[in-house]
N, C-alpha and C. Protein backbone atom coordinates (compact mmCIF):
# COMPACT_ATOMS: atom_id res chain seq x y z
N MET A 1 -65.11 186.15 93.46
CA MET A 1 -65.30 186.98 93.86
C MET A 1 -66.52 187.28 94.30
N THR A 2 -66.44 187.53 95.46
CA THR A 2 -67.76 187.94 95.82
C THR A 2 -67.90 189.42 95.54
N THR A 3 -69.08 189.81 95.02
CA THR A 3 -69.35 191.22 94.85
C THR A 3 -70.48 191.58 95.79
N ARG A 4 -70.57 192.83 96.09
CA ARG A 4 -71.64 193.29 96.97
C ARG A 4 -72.48 194.30 96.24
N ARG A 5 -73.76 194.25 96.50
CA ARG A 5 -74.66 195.28 96.00
C ARG A 5 -75.70 195.54 97.07
N PRO A 6 -76.17 196.76 97.19
CA PRO A 6 -77.17 197.04 98.21
C PRO A 6 -78.49 196.38 97.87
N ALA A 7 -79.15 195.83 98.86
CA ALA A 7 -80.48 195.26 98.67
C ALA A 7 -81.47 196.41 98.55
N GLU A 8 -82.57 196.19 97.84
CA GLU A 8 -83.56 197.23 97.68
C GLU A 8 -84.11 197.64 99.03
N GLY A 9 -84.16 198.95 99.26
CA GLY A 9 -84.73 199.47 100.49
C GLY A 9 -83.88 199.26 101.72
N SER A 10 -82.64 198.90 101.55
CA SER A 10 -81.78 198.61 102.69
C SER A 10 -80.36 199.04 102.38
N LYS A 11 -79.61 199.38 103.43
CA LYS A 11 -78.20 199.71 103.25
C LYS A 11 -77.32 198.49 103.48
N ASN A 12 -77.93 197.37 103.89
CA ASN A 12 -77.16 196.15 104.10
C ASN A 12 -76.79 195.53 102.78
N PRO A 13 -75.49 195.26 102.55
CA PRO A 13 -75.09 194.67 101.29
C PRO A 13 -75.46 193.19 101.22
N VAL A 14 -75.62 192.71 100.01
CA VAL A 14 -75.92 191.31 99.77
C VAL A 14 -74.72 190.70 99.05
N LEU A 15 -74.23 189.59 99.57
CA LEU A 15 -73.08 188.94 98.96
C LEU A 15 -73.48 188.17 97.71
N GLN A 16 -72.62 188.26 96.70
CA GLN A 16 -72.80 187.47 95.49
C GLN A 16 -71.46 186.79 95.23
N GLY A 17 -71.33 185.49 95.56
CA GLY A 17 -70.03 184.84 95.54
C GLY A 17 -69.70 184.09 94.27
N ILE A 18 -69.17 184.77 93.26
CA ILE A 18 -68.78 184.06 92.05
C ILE A 18 -67.29 184.19 91.79
N SER A 19 -66.78 185.39 91.60
CA SER A 19 -65.43 185.53 91.08
C SER A 19 -64.34 185.11 92.06
N VAL A 20 -64.50 185.32 93.36
CA VAL A 20 -63.49 184.86 94.31
C VAL A 20 -63.46 183.34 94.31
N LEU A 21 -64.61 182.72 94.26
CA LEU A 21 -64.69 181.26 94.19
C LEU A 21 -64.02 180.75 92.92
N SER A 22 -64.33 181.35 91.80
CA SER A 22 -63.73 180.93 90.54
C SER A 22 -62.22 181.08 90.57
N ALA A 23 -61.75 182.19 91.10
CA ALA A 23 -60.30 182.42 91.19
C ALA A 23 -59.65 181.40 92.12
N ALA A 24 -60.30 181.10 93.22
CA ALA A 24 -59.74 180.13 94.16
C ALA A 24 -59.70 178.73 93.55
N GLN A 25 -60.69 178.41 92.75
CA GLN A 25 -60.75 177.08 92.13
C GLN A 25 -59.67 176.87 91.08
N THR A 26 -59.08 177.95 90.57
CA THR A 26 -58.01 177.79 89.59
C THR A 26 -56.74 177.27 90.23
N GLY A 27 -56.61 177.42 91.56
CA GLY A 27 -55.40 177.01 92.25
C GLY A 27 -54.31 178.06 92.21
N ASP A 28 -54.58 179.19 91.60
CA ASP A 28 -53.62 180.28 91.51
C ASP A 28 -53.84 181.21 92.71
N SER A 29 -52.94 181.16 93.67
CA SER A 29 -53.14 181.94 94.90
C SER A 29 -53.10 183.44 94.62
N LEU A 30 -52.30 183.88 93.68
CA LEU A 30 -52.26 185.31 93.36
C LEU A 30 -53.59 185.77 92.76
N ALA A 31 -54.16 184.97 91.89
CA ALA A 31 -55.46 185.32 91.30
C ALA A 31 -56.54 185.38 92.38
N ALA A 32 -56.50 184.45 93.33
CA ALA A 32 -57.48 184.45 94.41
C ALA A 32 -57.31 185.69 95.29
N LEU A 33 -56.07 186.07 95.57
CA LEU A 33 -55.82 187.27 96.38
C LEU A 33 -56.29 188.53 95.65
N VAL A 34 -56.04 188.60 94.36
CA VAL A 34 -56.47 189.77 93.59
C VAL A 34 -57.99 189.86 93.56
N ALA A 35 -58.66 188.73 93.37
CA ALA A 35 -60.13 188.71 93.38
C ALA A 35 -60.66 189.13 94.75
N LEU A 36 -60.01 188.66 95.80
CA LEU A 36 -60.42 189.03 97.16
C LEU A 36 -60.20 190.52 97.40
N ARG A 37 -59.06 191.03 96.93
CA ARG A 37 -58.78 192.47 97.06
C ARG A 37 -59.87 193.30 96.39
N ASP A 38 -60.25 192.91 95.18
CA ASP A 38 -61.28 193.65 94.45
C ASP A 38 -62.63 193.59 95.16
N THR A 39 -62.94 192.42 95.69
CA THR A 39 -64.20 192.26 96.43
C THR A 39 -64.23 193.13 97.68
N LEU A 40 -63.12 193.13 98.41
CA LEU A 40 -63.05 193.96 99.61
C LEU A 40 -63.14 195.44 99.26
N ALA A 41 -62.51 195.86 98.18
CA ALA A 41 -62.57 197.26 97.76
C ALA A 41 -64.00 197.66 97.42
N ARG A 42 -64.72 196.78 96.69
CA ARG A 42 -66.13 197.05 96.38
C ARG A 42 -66.96 197.13 97.65
N ALA A 43 -66.70 196.23 98.57
CA ALA A 43 -67.45 196.21 99.83
C ALA A 43 -67.21 197.48 100.62
N ILE A 44 -65.97 197.97 100.62
CA ILE A 44 -65.66 199.21 101.33
C ILE A 44 -66.40 200.38 100.69
N ASP A 45 -66.42 200.43 99.36
CA ASP A 45 -67.11 201.52 98.66
C ASP A 45 -68.60 201.55 98.96
N GLU A 46 -69.18 200.38 99.21
CA GLU A 46 -70.62 200.29 99.42
C GLU A 46 -71.00 200.15 100.89
N CYS A 47 -70.03 200.20 101.78
CA CYS A 47 -70.27 199.95 103.20
C CYS A 47 -70.97 201.14 103.85
N GLY A 48 -71.97 200.85 104.66
CA GLY A 48 -72.69 201.90 105.37
C GLY A 48 -72.41 201.92 106.87
N SER A 49 -71.68 200.95 107.36
CA SER A 49 -71.42 200.83 108.79
C SER A 49 -69.96 201.15 109.10
N LYS A 50 -69.74 202.05 110.05
CA LYS A 50 -68.36 202.39 110.42
C LYS A 50 -67.63 201.19 111.01
N ARG A 51 -68.33 200.35 111.76
CA ARG A 51 -67.72 199.16 112.33
C ARG A 51 -67.26 198.20 111.24
N ASP A 52 -68.14 197.98 110.27
CA ASP A 52 -67.80 197.11 109.16
C ASP A 52 -66.70 197.71 108.30
N LEU A 53 -66.72 199.03 108.13
CA LEU A 53 -65.70 199.71 107.33
C LEU A 53 -64.31 199.49 107.92
N ALA A 54 -64.19 199.58 109.25
CA ALA A 54 -62.89 199.37 109.89
C ALA A 54 -62.40 197.95 109.69
N ALA A 55 -63.28 196.97 109.85
CA ALA A 55 -62.89 195.57 109.68
C ALA A 55 -62.51 195.29 108.23
N LEU A 56 -63.31 195.79 107.29
CA LEU A 56 -63.01 195.58 105.88
C LEU A 56 -61.70 196.24 105.48
N SER A 57 -61.43 197.42 106.03
CA SER A 57 -60.19 198.13 105.72
C SER A 57 -58.97 197.35 106.21
N ARG A 58 -59.06 196.78 107.41
CA ARG A 58 -57.96 195.97 107.92
C ARG A 58 -57.73 194.75 107.03
N GLN A 59 -58.81 194.12 106.63
CA GLN A 59 -58.68 192.95 105.76
C GLN A 59 -58.07 193.33 104.42
N LEU A 60 -58.49 194.47 103.87
CA LEU A 60 -57.94 194.91 102.58
C LEU A 60 -56.44 195.18 102.69
N CYS A 61 -56.02 195.84 103.77
CA CYS A 61 -54.59 196.11 103.97
C CYS A 61 -53.79 194.80 104.04
N ALA A 62 -54.33 193.81 104.73
CA ALA A 62 -53.64 192.52 104.84
C ALA A 62 -53.54 191.82 103.49
N VAL A 63 -54.60 191.86 102.71
CA VAL A 63 -54.60 191.21 101.41
C VAL A 63 -53.64 191.93 100.46
N VAL A 64 -53.62 193.25 100.47
CA VAL A 64 -52.71 194.01 99.62
C VAL A 64 -51.26 193.68 99.98
N ALA A 65 -50.97 193.57 101.27
CA ALA A 65 -49.62 193.21 101.70
C ALA A 65 -49.24 191.81 101.21
N GLN A 66 -50.19 190.88 101.27
CA GLN A 66 -49.92 189.52 100.77
C GLN A 66 -49.65 189.53 99.27
N ILE A 67 -50.41 190.34 98.54
CA ILE A 67 -50.20 190.43 97.09
C ILE A 67 -48.81 190.97 96.79
N GLU A 68 -48.40 192.00 97.51
CA GLU A 68 -47.09 192.60 97.29
C GLU A 68 -45.96 191.63 97.62
N ASN A 69 -46.18 190.74 98.57
CA ASN A 69 -45.14 189.79 98.98
C ASN A 69 -45.17 188.48 98.20
N THR A 70 -46.16 188.32 97.35
CA THR A 70 -46.27 187.10 96.54
C THR A 70 -45.38 187.24 95.31
N PRO A 71 -44.50 186.26 95.08
CA PRO A 71 -43.65 186.35 93.89
C PRO A 71 -44.51 186.27 92.62
N LYS A 72 -44.22 187.16 91.69
CA LYS A 72 -44.98 187.21 90.44
C LYS A 72 -44.48 186.12 89.50
N PRO A 73 -45.40 185.35 88.89
CA PRO A 73 -44.96 184.31 87.96
C PRO A 73 -44.40 184.95 86.68
N GLU A 74 -43.43 184.28 86.12
CA GLU A 74 -42.87 184.77 84.86
C GLU A 74 -43.87 184.51 83.76
N PRO A 75 -44.02 185.47 82.83
CA PRO A 75 -44.99 185.28 81.76
C PRO A 75 -44.63 184.06 80.91
N SER A 76 -45.60 183.25 80.66
CA SER A 76 -45.41 182.10 79.80
C SER A 76 -46.72 181.82 79.08
N LEU A 77 -46.61 181.09 78.02
CA LEU A 77 -47.80 180.74 77.25
C LEU A 77 -48.77 179.94 78.11
N ARG A 78 -48.24 179.05 78.94
CA ARG A 78 -49.09 178.22 79.81
C ARG A 78 -49.87 179.10 80.79
N ASN A 79 -49.21 180.11 81.39
CA ASN A 79 -49.89 181.01 82.32
C ASN A 79 -50.97 181.82 81.61
N GLU A 80 -50.67 182.29 80.40
CA GLU A 80 -51.66 183.06 79.66
C GLU A 80 -52.88 182.22 79.32
N ILE A 81 -52.67 181.00 78.92
CA ILE A 81 -53.78 180.10 78.58
C ILE A 81 -54.60 179.79 79.83
N ALA A 82 -53.94 179.54 80.96
CA ALA A 82 -54.66 179.27 82.21
C ALA A 82 -55.47 180.48 82.64
N ALA A 83 -54.92 181.68 82.48
CA ALA A 83 -55.65 182.89 82.86
C ALA A 83 -56.87 183.08 81.97
N LYS A 84 -56.73 182.86 80.67
CA LYS A 84 -57.87 182.98 79.76
C LYS A 84 -58.95 181.96 80.09
N ARG A 85 -58.53 180.73 80.41
CA ARG A 85 -59.49 179.68 80.77
C ARG A 85 -60.25 180.07 82.05
N ALA A 86 -59.53 180.58 83.04
CA ALA A 86 -60.17 180.98 84.29
C ALA A 86 -61.17 182.11 84.05
N ARG A 87 -60.82 183.07 83.19
CA ARG A 87 -61.75 184.17 82.89
C ARG A 87 -62.99 183.65 82.17
N ARG A 88 -62.82 182.73 81.22
CA ARG A 88 -63.97 182.16 80.51
C ARG A 88 -64.88 181.39 81.47
N GLN A 89 -64.28 180.61 82.37
CA GLN A 89 -65.09 179.84 83.32
C GLN A 89 -65.84 180.75 84.27
N ALA A 90 -65.19 181.83 84.73
CA ALA A 90 -65.86 182.78 85.62
C ALA A 90 -67.02 183.46 84.90
N GLU A 91 -66.80 183.85 83.66
CA GLU A 91 -67.87 184.49 82.88
C GLU A 91 -69.03 183.52 82.64
N ALA A 92 -68.73 182.27 82.35
CA ALA A 92 -69.78 181.28 82.14
C ALA A 92 -70.59 181.07 83.42
N ALA A 93 -69.91 181.07 84.56
CA ALA A 93 -70.63 180.91 85.83
C ALA A 93 -71.52 182.11 86.10
N ARG A 94 -71.04 183.31 85.78
CA ARG A 94 -71.87 184.51 85.96
C ARG A 94 -73.10 184.47 85.07
N ARG A 95 -72.93 184.01 83.83
CA ARG A 95 -74.07 183.95 82.92
C ARG A 95 -75.07 182.89 83.33
N ALA A 96 -74.64 181.87 84.06
CA ALA A 96 -75.53 180.78 84.46
C ALA A 96 -76.53 181.21 85.53
N LEU A 97 -76.23 182.30 86.22
CA LEU A 97 -77.13 182.79 87.25
C LEU A 97 -78.00 183.92 86.70
N VAL A 98 -79.24 183.88 87.06
CA VAL A 98 -80.16 184.92 86.62
C VAL A 98 -80.75 185.55 87.87
N GLU A 99 -80.70 186.86 87.94
CA GLU A 99 -81.23 187.57 89.10
C GLU A 99 -82.74 187.58 89.02
N GLY A 100 -83.42 187.10 90.06
CA GLY A 100 -84.88 187.08 90.10
C GLY A 100 -85.43 188.40 90.59
N SER A 101 -86.65 188.69 90.25
CA SER A 101 -87.27 189.95 90.66
C SER A 101 -87.57 189.98 92.15
N ASP A 102 -87.57 188.83 92.81
CA ASP A 102 -87.85 188.78 94.24
C ASP A 102 -86.59 188.91 95.08
N GLY A 103 -85.45 189.22 94.46
CA GLY A 103 -84.21 189.38 95.21
C GLY A 103 -83.44 188.09 95.41
N ARG A 104 -83.96 187.01 94.87
CA ARG A 104 -83.27 185.72 94.98
C ARG A 104 -82.56 185.42 93.69
N ARG A 105 -81.55 184.61 93.79
CA ARG A 105 -80.87 184.16 92.59
C ARG A 105 -81.49 182.86 92.15
N HIS A 106 -81.70 182.74 90.86
CA HIS A 106 -82.24 181.52 90.31
C HIS A 106 -81.24 181.02 89.28
N SER A 107 -80.78 179.81 89.46
CA SER A 107 -79.89 179.27 88.43
C SER A 107 -80.75 178.72 87.31
N ILE A 108 -80.13 178.51 86.20
CA ILE A 108 -80.86 178.00 85.04
C ILE A 108 -81.39 176.61 85.33
N ARG A 109 -80.73 175.87 86.20
CA ARG A 109 -81.16 174.50 86.52
C ARG A 109 -82.33 174.46 87.48
N GLY A 110 -82.80 175.61 87.96
CA GLY A 110 -83.96 175.64 88.81
C GLY A 110 -83.68 175.65 90.30
N ARG A 111 -82.41 175.66 90.70
CA ARG A 111 -82.12 175.74 92.13
C ARG A 111 -82.29 177.18 92.59
N HIS A 112 -82.80 177.33 93.79
CA HIS A 112 -83.03 178.68 94.33
C HIS A 112 -82.09 178.90 95.48
N HIS A 113 -81.45 180.06 95.47
CA HIS A 113 -80.53 180.44 96.54
C HIS A 113 -80.98 181.78 97.09
N CYS A 114 -81.47 181.80 98.29
CA CYS A 114 -81.89 183.04 98.91
C CYS A 114 -80.68 183.72 99.51
N LEU A 115 -80.45 184.98 99.15
CA LEU A 115 -79.29 185.71 99.65
C LEU A 115 -79.68 186.76 100.68
N SER A 116 -80.95 186.86 101.01
CA SER A 116 -81.38 187.90 101.94
C SER A 116 -81.13 187.49 103.35
């Protein structure tokens, strides 16, 4: 999921791509769609541009329709374990990133990713 947050001194949102990626990597298309839906909803809430708002709204409607048309898996122990594993992996990935004071993300391994 990518989440959005406003950059300091600017109304332009900055993408932070963790949870949608984690959900997509699980191979569970419903989980990826739900993560994308949540990301789009956050982006709409924080959007400052009417042009971007219209595009994000169309995308959100399409994703919600896909979620509604996706057959729901029957509850099973295997699905519950896979969901817990995916949540743990996503949380571990979030903890591995540290927000730098300069607006850049710094991973614990020393790689720098500029998001501005």
